Structure formats: C-alpha cells, structure tokens
Amino acid sequence: MEDFWLYFKLGFNHVLDATAYDHVLFIGVLVAAYSLKQWKRILALVSLFTVGHCLSLALAAFDVLHFDKAIIEFLIPLSIVFTAIFNLFTAGKDTGGTKSAVLYIITLFFGLVHGFGFSTYFNMLSEGASDIALMLLEFALGIEASQLVVVLVILILSGIFQTLLRFSKRDWVLIISSIVLGLSLPLLFDNWIF
C-alpha cells in the first residue's frame, strides 16, 4: 500500500508541478469550451490523455520505443499551441462532430508525447521494480486524479465568468485560448528544433 501512495503521489504531483505547467495549460485549453453538463466528454478527453501518457511510458519502460528528447520537448508545446489555435478558430461555431474528433486525436497525441518526455525519469524509478505494470497503473491514477482537480478548477472559473460576470461562452473560450497561446509560444520557441 505504501508503494501505491508513492506512485499515486508521483503521478498527482507530475501534473500539478509548478515547473511543468504544460499539463495545466493543455487541460485548461482543452476543457475551456465545455461545461459541467458535458462531464462525460470531459472525462473521456482527460482519460484519453492518461491512456496515451501511460502507453508511451510503457513502450519506453519495456524498451519498445524511444524518441529523441529534443523532438519530444518541441512537440509538447506544439500540441498546446495547436489546441489553442484550433479553439480560437472554432469558438462559437457549430463544427458538428469534427471538433470533438480533432480534440480526441490531439489529446491522445499530447498524452503519448508527454509520456515519452517523462519516460527517462520513470525508467530510473522503475529500474529493478518487480511489477512495472502496477507502477504504471498507480501513476496513472495519480495523473487522472490531478487532472480532474484542474478540470474542476477550470469549470468553476468558467461558471463564475459566464454566469456572474456575463461572459459569453465564445468570449470565455477566446480569452482562455489566447492566454494559453501566449504562455505556450515561448515554450515552443525555447524548444525549437528547426
């Protein structure tokens, strides 16, 4: 049970680490267009990220697949920037199921990329461990829990701004996406590989 809490906390803190705020930026821009009524879709998106993250960690932990760290560090902010720009262009527009499909693909991609970015550290932790799959599950539960905390905060802020301060949903999405874009562009340029 002690090991469970160790890896759960590691996953939980991994998302909420102040020096690695890319998770929070991505989740913020991802759920900005949703409300609490759409909790099933939000849960699916957040869980898809966790699945992607753990899948890439597993692939790296079992020496199946590795990527150059510079490419990964570039792709992380690129996926956040892409999601923010996508929101800016689709805010307030009825895009049917296209928007959801694009967001599911981006979320899975971000999860996969981010997992590869964390794999070196995770591999050091899991070296000599008897059950890496169990460690991954415990870590994933921590990630999922912390992401739900971030989602809850975003939804509360969304409710405050849209209900009390009378922002339209479109304006809320534009503001959040613009803030996230502004915070992510320096990360992208700092990790530029071309």
N, C-alpha and C. Protein backbone atom coordinates (compact mmCIF):
# COMPACT_ATOMS: atom_id res chain seq x y z
N MET A 1 0.83 -1.20 0.00
CA MET A 1 0.00 0.00 0.00
C MET A 1 0.87 1.26 0.00
N GLU A 2 2.03 1.14 0.64
CA GLU A 2 2.94 2.28 0.68
C GLU A 2 3.42 2.64 -0.72
N ASP A 3 3.72 1.61 -1.53
CA ASP A 3 4.14 1.84 -2.90
C ASP A 3 3.04 2.49 -3.72
N PHE A 4 1.79 2.08 -3.46
CA PHE A 4 0.66 2.67 -4.18
C PHE A 4 0.66 4.18 -4.00
N TRP A 5 0.75 4.63 -2.75
CA TRP A 5 0.70 6.06 -2.49
C TRP A 5 1.92 6.78 -3.05
N LEU A 6 3.06 6.12 -3.06
CA LEU A 6 4.27 6.72 -3.62
C LEU A 6 4.06 7.04 -5.10
N TYR A 7 3.61 6.07 -5.88
CA TYR A 7 3.45 6.28 -7.32
C TYR A 7 2.20 7.10 -7.64
N PHE A 8 1.17 6.97 -6.82
CA PHE A 8 -0.02 7.81 -6.98
C PHE A 8 0.37 9.28 -6.80
N LYS A 9 1.11 9.58 -5.74
CA LYS A 9 1.55 10.96 -5.47
C LYS A 9 2.48 11.45 -6.58
N LEU A 10 3.34 10.57 -7.07
CA LEU A 10 4.22 10.94 -8.17
C LEU A 10 3.41 11.36 -9.39
N GLY A 11 2.40 10.60 -9.74
CA GLY A 11 1.53 10.95 -10.86
C GLY A 11 0.75 12.22 -10.59
N PHE A 12 0.23 12.34 -9.37
CA PHE A 12 -0.56 13.51 -8.99
C PHE A 12 0.29 14.78 -9.09
N ASN A 13 1.49 14.72 -8.50
CA ASN A 13 2.37 15.89 -8.50
C ASN A 13 2.97 16.17 -9.87
N HIS A 14 3.07 15.14 -10.68
CA HIS A 14 3.61 15.31 -12.04
C HIS A 14 2.78 16.32 -12.83
N VAL A 15 1.48 16.26 -12.70
CA VAL A 15 0.59 17.18 -13.41
C VAL A 15 0.59 18.56 -12.77
N LEU A 16 0.63 18.62 -11.45
CA LEU A 16 0.49 19.88 -10.74
C LEU A 16 1.81 20.55 -10.40
N ASP A 17 2.92 20.02 -10.89
CA ASP A 17 4.24 20.60 -10.65
C ASP A 17 4.30 21.99 -11.29
N ALA A 18 4.65 22.99 -10.48
CA ALA A 18 4.67 24.37 -10.97
C ALA A 18 5.70 24.59 -12.07
N THR A 19 6.75 23.79 -12.09
CA THR A 19 7.77 23.96 -13.12
C THR A 19 7.38 23.25 -14.42
N ALA A 20 6.39 22.40 -14.36
CA ALA A 20 5.93 21.66 -15.55
C ALA A 20 4.47 21.98 -15.79
N TYR A 21 4.18 23.24 -16.00
CA TYR A 21 2.80 23.71 -16.10
C TYR A 21 2.16 23.43 -17.46
N ASP A 22 2.87 22.75 -18.34
CA ASP A 22 2.32 22.44 -19.65
C ASP A 22 1.07 21.58 -19.57
N HIS A 23 1.01 20.68 -18.59
CA HIS A 23 -0.19 19.87 -18.38
C HIS A 23 -1.40 20.77 -18.12
N VAL A 24 -1.21 21.69 -17.19
CA VAL A 24 -2.32 22.57 -16.79
C VAL A 24 -2.76 23.43 -17.97
N LEU A 25 -1.79 23.94 -18.74
CA LEU A 25 -2.14 24.73 -19.92
C LEU A 25 -2.95 23.90 -20.91
N PHE A 26 -2.50 22.68 -21.15
CA PHE A 26 -3.20 21.83 -22.11
C PHE A 26 -4.61 21.50 -21.64
N ILE A 27 -4.74 21.10 -20.39
CA ILE A 27 -6.06 20.74 -19.86
C ILE A 27 -6.96 21.97 -19.85
N GLY A 28 -6.40 23.12 -19.49
CA GLY A 28 -7.19 24.35 -19.48
C GLY A 28 -7.77 24.69 -20.83
N VAL A 29 -6.92 24.64 -21.86
CA VAL A 29 -7.40 24.99 -23.20
C VAL A 29 -8.30 23.88 -23.75
N LEU A 30 -8.05 22.65 -23.34
CA LEU A 30 -8.85 21.52 -23.82
C LEU A 30 -10.30 21.59 -23.32
N VAL A 31 -10.48 21.94 -22.05
CA VAL A 31 -11.83 21.91 -21.48
C VAL A 31 -12.51 23.28 -21.45
N ALA A 32 -11.83 24.31 -21.94
CA ALA A 32 -12.39 25.67 -21.90
C ALA A 32 -13.74 25.76 -22.58
N ALA A 33 -13.96 24.97 -23.61
CA ALA A 33 -15.20 25.05 -24.39
C ALA A 33 -16.32 24.18 -23.83
N TYR A 34 -16.07 23.50 -22.72
CA TYR A 34 -17.06 22.59 -22.16
C TYR A 34 -17.65 23.13 -20.86
N SER A 35 -18.81 22.60 -20.53
CA SER A 35 -19.44 22.94 -19.26
C SER A 35 -19.61 21.66 -18.44
N LEU A 36 -20.02 21.83 -17.21
CA LEU A 36 -20.20 20.68 -16.32
C LEU A 36 -21.22 19.69 -16.87
N LYS A 37 -22.18 20.17 -17.64
CA LYS A 37 -23.19 19.28 -18.25
C LYS A 37 -22.54 18.28 -19.20
N GLN A 38 -21.38 18.62 -19.71
CA GLN A 38 -20.68 17.75 -20.66
C GLN A 38 -19.59 16.93 -19.98
N TRP A 39 -19.83 16.57 -18.74
CA TRP A 39 -18.82 15.89 -17.93
C TRP A 39 -18.36 14.57 -18.54
N LYS A 40 -19.23 13.88 -19.26
CA LYS A 40 -18.81 12.60 -19.87
C LYS A 40 -17.75 12.83 -20.94
N ARG A 41 -17.94 13.85 -21.74
CA ARG A 41 -16.96 14.16 -22.79
C ARG A 41 -15.65 14.62 -22.16
N ILE A 42 -15.74 15.43 -21.12
CA ILE A 42 -14.54 15.91 -20.42
C ILE A 42 -13.79 14.72 -19.82
N LEU A 43 -14.51 13.84 -19.16
CA LEU A 43 -13.88 12.65 -18.56
C LEU A 43 -13.22 11.79 -19.63
N ALA A 44 -13.87 11.65 -20.78
CA ALA A 44 -13.29 10.87 -21.88
C ALA A 44 -12.00 11.51 -22.37
N LEU A 45 -11.99 12.83 -22.54
CA LEU A 45 -10.79 13.52 -23.00
C LEU A 45 -9.65 13.38 -22.00
N VAL A 46 -9.94 13.62 -20.74
CA VAL A 46 -8.91 13.54 -19.70
C VAL A 46 -8.38 12.11 -19.59
N SER A 47 -9.26 11.15 -19.65
CA SER A 47 -8.84 9.74 -19.57
C SER A 47 -8.03 9.33 -20.80
N LEU A 48 -8.38 9.87 -21.94
CA LEU A 48 -7.63 9.57 -23.16
C LEU A 48 -6.20 10.08 -23.04
N PHE A 49 -6.04 11.25 -22.44
CA PHE A 49 -4.69 11.76 -22.20
C PHE A 49 -3.92 10.78 -21.32
N THR A 50 -4.54 10.34 -20.23
CA THR A 50 -3.88 9.42 -19.30
C THR A 50 -3.49 8.12 -20.00
N VAL A 51 -4.38 7.60 -20.83
CA VAL A 51 -4.09 6.37 -21.57
C VAL A 51 -2.88 6.57 -22.48
N GLY A 52 -2.85 7.68 -23.23
CA GLY A 52 -1.72 7.97 -24.10
C GLY A 52 -0.43 8.11 -23.33
N HIS A 53 -0.50 8.82 -22.21
CA HIS A 53 0.67 9.05 -21.37
C HIS A 53 1.24 7.72 -20.87
N CYS A 54 0.36 6.87 -20.37
CA CYS A 54 0.81 5.59 -19.82
C CYS A 54 1.26 4.62 -20.90
N LEU A 55 0.63 4.69 -22.06
CA LEU A 55 1.04 3.82 -23.16
C LEU A 55 2.48 4.14 -23.58
N SER A 56 2.79 5.42 -23.73
CA SER A 56 4.16 5.78 -24.13
C SER A 56 5.16 5.48 -23.01
N LEU A 57 4.75 5.66 -21.75
CA LEU A 57 5.63 5.28 -20.64
C LEU A 57 5.92 3.78 -20.68
N ALA A 58 4.89 2.99 -20.95
CA ALA A 58 5.06 1.54 -21.02
C ALA A 58 5.97 1.16 -22.18
N LEU A 59 5.76 1.79 -23.34
CA LEU A 59 6.60 1.50 -24.50
C LEU A 59 8.06 1.82 -24.22
N ALA A 60 8.30 2.92 -23.52
CA ALA A 60 9.67 3.29 -23.17
C ALA A 60 10.22 2.40 -22.05
N ALA A 61 9.39 2.10 -21.04
CA ALA A 61 9.85 1.30 -19.91
C ALA A 61 10.23 -0.12 -20.33
N PHE A 62 9.52 -0.66 -21.31
CA PHE A 62 9.81 -2.01 -21.78
C PHE A 62 10.72 -2.01 -23.02
N ASP A 63 11.39 -0.87 -23.26
CA ASP A 63 12.35 -0.72 -24.37
C ASP A 63 11.78 -1.07 -25.74
N VAL A 64 10.53 -0.73 -25.97
CA VAL A 64 9.90 -0.98 -27.26
C VAL A 64 10.13 0.21 -28.20
N LEU A 65 10.06 1.42 -27.66
CA LEU A 65 10.13 2.62 -28.49
C LEU A 65 10.71 3.79 -27.70
N HIS A 66 11.59 4.54 -28.34
CA HIS A 66 12.19 5.73 -27.74
C HIS A 66 12.26 6.83 -28.80
N PHE A 67 12.23 8.08 -28.35
CA PHE A 67 12.35 9.22 -29.25
C PHE A 67 13.39 10.18 -28.71
N ASP A 68 13.95 10.96 -29.60
CA ASP A 68 14.90 11.99 -29.23
C ASP A 68 14.20 13.00 -28.31
N LYS A 69 14.82 13.29 -27.18
CA LYS A 69 14.23 14.20 -26.20
C LYS A 69 13.95 15.59 -26.78
N ALA A 70 14.81 16.07 -27.66
CA ALA A 70 14.62 17.40 -28.26
C ALA A 70 13.33 17.45 -29.07
N ILE A 71 13.04 16.38 -29.78
CA ILE A 71 11.79 16.33 -30.57
C ILE A 71 10.59 16.33 -29.65
N ILE A 72 10.65 15.55 -28.60
CA ILE A 72 9.55 15.46 -27.63
C ILE A 72 9.31 16.82 -26.97
N GLU A 73 10.40 17.47 -26.55
CA GLU A 73 10.28 18.78 -25.88
C GLU A 73 9.74 19.85 -26.82
N PHE A 74 9.87 19.66 -28.11
CA PHE A 74 9.29 20.57 -29.09
C PHE A 74 7.81 20.24 -29.33
N LEU A 75 7.49 18.96 -29.40
CA LEU A 75 6.11 18.54 -29.69
C LEU A 75 5.14 18.85 -28.55
N ILE A 76 5.63 18.87 -27.32
CA ILE A 76 4.73 19.16 -26.19
C ILE A 76 4.11 20.55 -26.33
N PRO A 77 4.91 21.64 -26.42
CA PRO A 77 4.26 22.95 -26.58
C PRO A 77 3.56 23.11 -27.93
N LEU A 78 4.06 22.41 -28.96
CA LEU A 78 3.40 22.49 -30.26
C LEU A 78 1.96 22.00 -30.18
N SER A 79 1.73 20.92 -29.44
CA SER A 79 0.37 20.40 -29.32
C SER A 79 -0.52 21.35 -28.53
N ILE A 80 0.05 22.04 -27.54
CA ILE A 80 -0.73 23.02 -26.76
C ILE A 80 -1.08 24.21 -27.66
N VAL A 81 -0.09 24.71 -28.39
CA VAL A 81 -0.31 25.83 -29.32
C VAL A 81 -1.37 25.46 -30.35
N PHE A 82 -1.27 24.27 -30.91
CA PHE A 82 -2.24 23.83 -31.92
C PHE A 82 -3.65 23.79 -31.33
N THR A 83 -3.79 23.27 -30.12
CA THR A 83 -5.12 23.20 -29.48
C THR A 83 -5.67 24.60 -29.23
N ALA A 84 -4.83 25.51 -28.77
CA ALA A 84 -5.28 26.89 -28.53
C ALA A 84 -5.72 27.56 -29.83
N ILE A 85 -4.94 27.39 -30.88
CA ILE A 85 -5.29 27.99 -32.18
C ILE A 85 -6.57 27.36 -32.73
N PHE A 86 -6.69 26.05 -32.57
CA PHE A 86 -7.91 25.36 -33.00
C PHE A 86 -9.13 25.95 -32.29
N ASN A 87 -9.02 26.18 -30.98
CA ASN A 87 -10.12 26.78 -30.22
C ASN A 87 -10.42 28.19 -30.70
N LEU A 88 -9.39 28.96 -31.01
CA LEU A 88 -9.60 30.33 -31.48
C LEU A 88 -10.40 30.35 -32.78
N PHE A 89 -10.14 29.40 -33.65
CA PHE A 89 -10.83 29.37 -34.94
C PHE A 89 -12.21 28.71 -34.87
N THR A 90 -12.47 27.92 -33.84
CA THR A 90 -13.75 27.21 -33.77
C THR A 90 -14.67 27.72 -32.66
N ALA A 91 -14.21 28.67 -31.86
CA ALA A 91 -15.03 29.19 -30.76
C ALA A 91 -16.34 29.75 -31.28
N GLY A 92 -17.42 29.28 -30.74
CA GLY A 92 -18.74 29.78 -31.11
C GLY A 92 -19.29 29.25 -32.42
N LYS A 93 -18.56 28.36 -33.06
CA LYS A 93 -19.03 27.81 -34.34
C LYS A 93 -19.50 26.38 -34.15
N ASP A 94 -20.52 26.01 -34.87
CA ASP A 94 -21.01 24.64 -34.84
C ASP A 94 -20.24 23.84 -35.88
N THR A 95 -19.32 23.01 -35.39
CA THR A 95 -18.50 22.22 -36.29
C THR A 95 -18.93 20.76 -36.30
N GLY A 96 -20.05 20.48 -35.68
CA GLY A 96 -20.55 19.11 -35.63
C GLY A 96 -19.61 18.24 -34.82
N GLY A 97 -19.42 17.02 -35.25
CA GLY A 97 -18.55 16.09 -34.55
C GLY A 97 -17.09 16.26 -34.90
N THR A 98 -16.79 17.13 -35.87
CA THR A 98 -15.41 17.33 -36.30
C THR A 98 -14.54 17.85 -35.17
N LYS A 99 -15.05 18.82 -34.42
CA LYS A 99 -14.27 19.42 -33.34
C LYS A 99 -13.94 18.36 -32.30
N SER A 100 -14.91 17.55 -31.91
CA SER A 100 -14.66 16.52 -30.92
C SER A 100 -13.62 15.53 -31.40
N ALA A 101 -13.72 15.11 -32.64
CA ALA A 101 -12.76 14.14 -33.19
C ALA A 101 -11.36 14.71 -33.18
N VAL A 102 -11.21 15.97 -33.59
CA VAL A 102 -9.89 16.61 -33.60
C VAL A 102 -9.34 16.69 -32.18
N LEU A 103 -10.18 17.08 -31.23
CA LEU A 103 -9.72 17.19 -29.84
C LEU A 103 -9.33 15.83 -29.26
N TYR A 104 -10.04 14.77 -29.62
CA TYR A 104 -9.67 13.43 -29.15
C TYR A 104 -8.30 13.04 -29.71
N ILE A 105 -8.06 13.32 -30.97
CA ILE A 105 -6.78 12.98 -31.59
C ILE A 105 -5.65 13.79 -30.95
N ILE A 106 -5.86 15.10 -30.78
CA ILE A 106 -4.84 15.96 -30.17
C ILE A 106 -4.55 15.49 -28.74
N THR A 107 -5.59 15.14 -28.00
CA THR A 107 -5.42 14.71 -26.61
C THR A 107 -4.60 13.43 -26.53
N LEU A 108 -4.92 12.47 -27.36
CA LEU A 108 -4.14 11.23 -27.37
C LEU A 108 -2.69 11.51 -27.76
N PHE A 109 -2.50 12.34 -28.79
CA PHE A 109 -1.15 12.70 -29.23
C PHE A 109 -0.38 13.37 -28.10
N PHE A 110 -0.99 14.35 -27.43
CA PHE A 110 -0.33 15.05 -26.33
C PHE A 110 0.03 14.07 -25.22
N GLY A 111 -0.87 13.15 -24.90
CA GLY A 111 -0.59 12.15 -23.87
C GLY A 111 0.60 11.28 -24.25
N LEU A 112 0.62 10.81 -25.49
CA LEU A 112 1.74 9.98 -25.95
C LEU A 112 3.05 10.75 -25.89
N VAL A 113 3.05 11.96 -26.42
CA VAL A 113 4.27 12.76 -26.44
C VAL A 113 4.74 13.05 -25.03
N HIS A 114 3.83 13.45 -24.18
CA HIS A 114 4.22 13.82 -22.82
C HIS A 114 4.74 12.62 -22.05
N GLY A 115 4.17 11.46 -22.30
CA GLY A 115 4.67 10.24 -21.65
C GLY A 115 6.11 9.95 -22.05
N PHE A 116 6.44 10.13 -23.32
CA PHE A 116 7.82 9.92 -23.76
C PHE A 116 8.74 10.95 -23.11
N GLY A 117 8.23 12.16 -22.90
CA GLY A 117 9.02 13.20 -22.24
C GLY A 117 9.35 12.85 -20.80
N PHE A 118 8.50 12.11 -20.15
CA PHE A 118 8.68 11.74 -18.74
C PHE A 118 9.33 10.37 -18.59
N SER A 119 9.52 9.67 -19.68
CA SER A 119 9.95 8.26 -19.62
C SER A 119 11.33 8.06 -19.02
N THR A 120 12.26 8.97 -19.25
CA THR A 120 13.61 8.81 -18.69
C THR A 120 13.55 8.78 -17.17
N TYR A 121 12.83 9.72 -16.59
CA TYR A 121 12.69 9.77 -15.14
C TYR A 121 11.94 8.54 -14.63
N PHE A 122 10.87 8.17 -15.30
CA PHE A 122 10.10 7.00 -14.88
C PHE A 122 10.95 5.73 -14.96
N ASN A 123 11.76 5.61 -15.99
CA ASN A 123 12.63 4.43 -16.14
C ASN A 123 13.63 4.34 -14.99
N MET A 124 14.13 5.48 -14.54
CA MET A 124 15.04 5.47 -13.37
C MET A 124 14.31 4.97 -12.13
N LEU A 125 13.06 5.40 -11.95
CA LEU A 125 12.28 4.97 -10.79
C LEU A 125 11.93 3.49 -10.84
N SER A 126 11.65 3.00 -12.04
CA SER A 126 11.17 1.63 -12.16
C SER A 126 12.30 0.61 -12.31
N GLU A 127 13.53 1.09 -12.37
CA GLU A 127 14.66 0.17 -12.52
C GLU A 127 14.70 -0.81 -11.36
N GLY A 128 14.67 -2.08 -11.68
CA GLY A 128 14.70 -3.13 -10.67
C GLY A 128 13.36 -3.42 -10.02
N ALA A 129 12.31 -2.73 -10.43
CA ALA A 129 10.98 -2.95 -9.86
C ALA A 129 10.44 -4.30 -10.31
N SER A 130 9.67 -4.92 -9.45
CA SER A 130 9.15 -6.24 -9.77
C SER A 130 7.91 -6.18 -10.65
N ASP A 131 7.13 -5.10 -10.54
CA ASP A 131 5.89 -5.03 -11.31
C ASP A 131 5.70 -3.63 -11.90
N ILE A 132 6.30 -3.42 -13.08
CA ILE A 132 6.23 -2.12 -13.73
C ILE A 132 4.80 -1.79 -14.14
N ALA A 133 4.03 -2.79 -14.54
CA ALA A 133 2.64 -2.55 -14.95
C ALA A 133 1.82 -1.98 -13.78
N LEU A 134 2.04 -2.50 -12.58
CA LEU A 134 1.32 -1.99 -11.40
C LEU A 134 1.76 -0.57 -11.09
N MET A 135 3.06 -0.30 -11.22
CA MET A 135 3.56 1.06 -11.01
C MET A 135 2.88 2.03 -11.99
N LEU A 136 2.77 1.61 -13.24
CA LEU A 136 2.12 2.45 -14.26
C LEU A 136 0.67 2.73 -13.90
N LEU A 137 -0.03 1.72 -13.42
CA LEU A 137 -1.43 1.89 -13.03
C LEU A 137 -1.55 2.88 -11.87
N GLU A 138 -0.71 2.73 -10.87
CA GLU A 138 -0.73 3.64 -9.71
C GLU A 138 -0.41 5.07 -10.14
N PHE A 139 0.58 5.20 -11.00
CA PHE A 139 0.97 6.51 -11.54
C PHE A 139 -0.18 7.11 -12.34
N ALA A 140 -0.83 6.29 -13.17
CA ALA A 140 -1.95 6.75 -13.99
C ALA A 140 -3.10 7.25 -13.14
N LEU A 141 -3.38 6.56 -12.05
CA LEU A 141 -4.45 7.00 -11.16
C LEU A 141 -4.13 8.37 -10.55
N GLY A 142 -2.87 8.60 -10.22
CA GLY A 142 -2.46 9.91 -9.72
C GLY A 142 -2.61 11.00 -10.76
N ILE A 143 -2.22 10.69 -12.00
CA ILE A 143 -2.39 11.65 -13.10
C ILE A 143 -3.86 11.97 -13.29
N GLU A 144 -4.68 10.94 -13.32
CA GLU A 144 -6.12 11.14 -13.55
C GLU A 144 -6.73 12.00 -12.45
N ALA A 145 -6.37 11.72 -11.20
CA ALA A 145 -6.92 12.49 -10.07
C ALA A 145 -6.52 13.97 -10.17
N SER A 146 -5.26 14.23 -10.46
CA SER A 146 -4.81 15.63 -10.52
C SER A 146 -5.44 16.36 -11.71
N GLN A 147 -5.61 15.65 -12.82
CA GLN A 147 -6.26 16.29 -13.97
C GLN A 147 -7.70 16.64 -13.65
N LEU A 148 -8.37 15.79 -12.89
CA LEU A 148 -9.75 16.10 -12.51
C LEU A 148 -9.81 17.31 -11.60
N VAL A 149 -8.79 17.52 -10.77
CA VAL A 149 -8.72 18.73 -9.95
C VAL A 149 -8.59 19.96 -10.85
N VAL A 150 -7.71 19.88 -11.84
CA VAL A 150 -7.53 21.01 -12.77
C VAL A 150 -8.83 21.27 -13.53
N VAL A 151 -9.47 20.22 -14.00
CA VAL A 151 -10.74 20.37 -14.73
C VAL A 151 -11.78 21.04 -13.84
N LEU A 152 -11.87 20.61 -12.60
CA LEU A 152 -12.84 21.19 -11.67
C LEU A 152 -12.58 22.69 -11.49
N VAL A 153 -11.33 23.07 -11.33
CA VAL A 153 -10.98 24.49 -11.18
C VAL A 153 -11.37 25.27 -12.43
N ILE A 154 -11.06 24.72 -13.60
CA ILE A 154 -11.40 25.39 -14.87
C ILE A 154 -12.91 25.54 -15.00
N LEU A 155 -13.66 24.50 -14.66
CA LEU A 155 -15.12 24.56 -14.76
C LEU A 155 -15.72 25.56 -13.77
N ILE A 156 -15.14 25.64 -12.59
CA ILE A 156 -15.62 26.64 -11.61
C ILE A 156 -15.34 28.05 -12.13
N LEU A 157 -14.14 28.27 -12.64
CA LEU A 157 -13.82 29.59 -13.20
C LEU A 157 -14.73 29.91 -14.38
N SER A 158 -14.96 28.91 -15.21
CA SER A 158 -15.86 29.09 -16.36
C SER A 158 -17.25 29.50 -15.89
N GLY A 159 -17.75 28.82 -14.86
CA GLY A 159 -19.06 29.15 -14.32
C GLY A 159 -19.11 30.57 -13.77
N ILE A 160 -18.07 30.96 -13.06
CA ILE A 160 -18.02 32.31 -12.48
C ILE A 160 -18.01 33.36 -13.59
N PHE A 161 -17.15 33.16 -14.58
CA PHE A 161 -17.04 34.15 -15.66
C PHE A 161 -18.27 34.20 -16.54
N GLN A 162 -18.85 33.04 -16.80
CA GLN A 162 -20.00 33.03 -17.71
C GLN A 162 -21.31 33.36 -17.01
N THR A 163 -21.44 33.00 -15.75
CA THR A 163 -22.70 33.24 -15.05
C THR A 163 -22.69 34.59 -14.32
N LEU A 164 -21.69 34.79 -13.49
CA LEU A 164 -21.67 36.00 -12.67
C LEU A 164 -21.16 37.23 -13.43
N LEU A 165 -20.14 37.03 -14.24
CA LEU A 165 -19.56 38.16 -14.95
C LEU A 165 -20.11 38.33 -16.38
N ARG A 166 -21.02 37.44 -16.75
CA ARG A 166 -21.76 37.52 -18.02
C ARG A 166 -20.89 37.44 -19.29
N PHE A 167 -19.79 36.69 -19.20
CA PHE A 167 -19.01 36.44 -20.42
C PHE A 167 -19.80 35.45 -21.26
N SER A 168 -19.78 35.61 -22.57
CA SER A 168 -20.39 34.58 -23.41
C SER A 168 -19.43 33.39 -23.46
N LYS A 169 -19.96 32.23 -23.78
CA LYS A 169 -19.11 31.05 -23.87
C LYS A 169 -18.00 31.27 -24.91
N ARG A 170 -18.36 31.89 -26.02
CA ARG A 170 -17.39 32.17 -27.08
C ARG A 170 -16.26 33.07 -26.55
N ASP A 171 -16.62 34.14 -25.83
CA ASP A 171 -15.60 35.04 -25.29
C ASP A 171 -14.71 34.32 -24.28
N TRP A 172 -15.31 33.48 -23.44
CA TRP A 172 -14.55 32.71 -22.45
C TRP A 172 -13.51 31.82 -23.17
N VAL A 173 -13.95 31.12 -24.19
CA VAL A 173 -13.04 30.23 -24.93
C VAL A 173 -11.94 31.04 -25.60
N LEU A 174 -12.29 32.18 -26.18
CA LEU A 174 -11.29 33.03 -26.83
C LEU A 174 -10.27 33.56 -25.83
N ILE A 175 -10.72 33.97 -24.67
CA ILE A 175 -9.81 34.51 -23.65
C ILE A 175 -8.87 33.42 -23.14
N ILE A 176 -9.42 32.29 -22.74
CA ILE A 176 -8.59 31.20 -22.22
C ILE A 176 -7.60 30.72 -23.29
N SER A 177 -8.08 30.55 -24.50
CA SER A 177 -7.21 30.07 -25.59
C SER A 177 -6.10 31.08 -25.89
N SER A 178 -6.42 32.35 -25.83
CA SER A 178 -5.41 33.39 -26.08
C SER A 178 -4.36 33.41 -24.97
N ILE A 179 -4.80 33.28 -23.72
CA ILE A 179 -3.86 33.24 -22.59
C ILE A 179 -2.94 32.03 -22.72
N VAL A 180 -3.52 30.87 -22.99
CA VAL A 180 -2.72 29.65 -23.12
C VAL A 180 -1.76 29.77 -24.30
N LEU A 181 -2.23 30.33 -25.40
CA LEU A 181 -1.36 30.53 -26.56
C LEU A 181 -0.18 31.44 -26.20
N GLY A 182 -0.48 32.53 -25.49
CA GLY A 182 0.58 33.45 -25.09
C GLY A 182 1.60 32.83 -24.15
N LEU A 183 1.16 31.92 -23.29
CA LEU A 183 2.08 31.25 -22.37
C LEU A 183 2.83 30.10 -23.04
N SER A 184 2.26 29.54 -24.10
CA SER A 184 2.86 28.37 -24.75
C SER A 184 3.85 28.73 -25.85
N LEU A 185 3.65 29.85 -26.50
CA LEU A 185 4.57 30.22 -27.58
C LEU A 185 6.03 30.33 -27.12
N PRO A 186 6.31 30.94 -25.96
CA PRO A 186 7.71 30.96 -25.51
C PRO A 186 8.27 29.54 -25.28
N LEU A 187 7.44 28.63 -24.77
CA LEU A 187 7.89 27.24 -24.60
C LEU A 187 8.23 26.63 -25.95
N LEU A 188 7.41 26.92 -26.94
CA LEU A 188 7.64 26.39 -28.29
C LEU A 188 8.94 26.94 -28.86
N PHE A 189 9.16 28.24 -28.76
CA PHE A 189 10.37 28.86 -29.31
C PHE A 189 11.62 28.44 -28.55
N ASP A 190 11.50 28.25 -27.23
CA ASP A 190 12.64 27.78 -26.44
C ASP A 190 13.08 26.37 -26.82
N ASN A 191 12.15 25.58 -27.34
CA ASN A 191 12.44 24.20 -27.70
C ASN A 191 12.45 23.98 -29.21
N TRP A 192 12.57 25.06 -29.97
CA TRP A 192 12.51 24.99 -31.43
C TRP A 192 13.62 24.08 -31.96
N ILE A 193 13.28 23.20 -32.87
CA ILE A 193 14.28 22.23 -33.37
C ILE A 193 14.68 22.49 -34.82
N PHE A 194 14.08 23.45 -35.46
CA PHE A 194 14.40 23.70 -36.86
C PHE A 194 15.37 24.85 -37.02
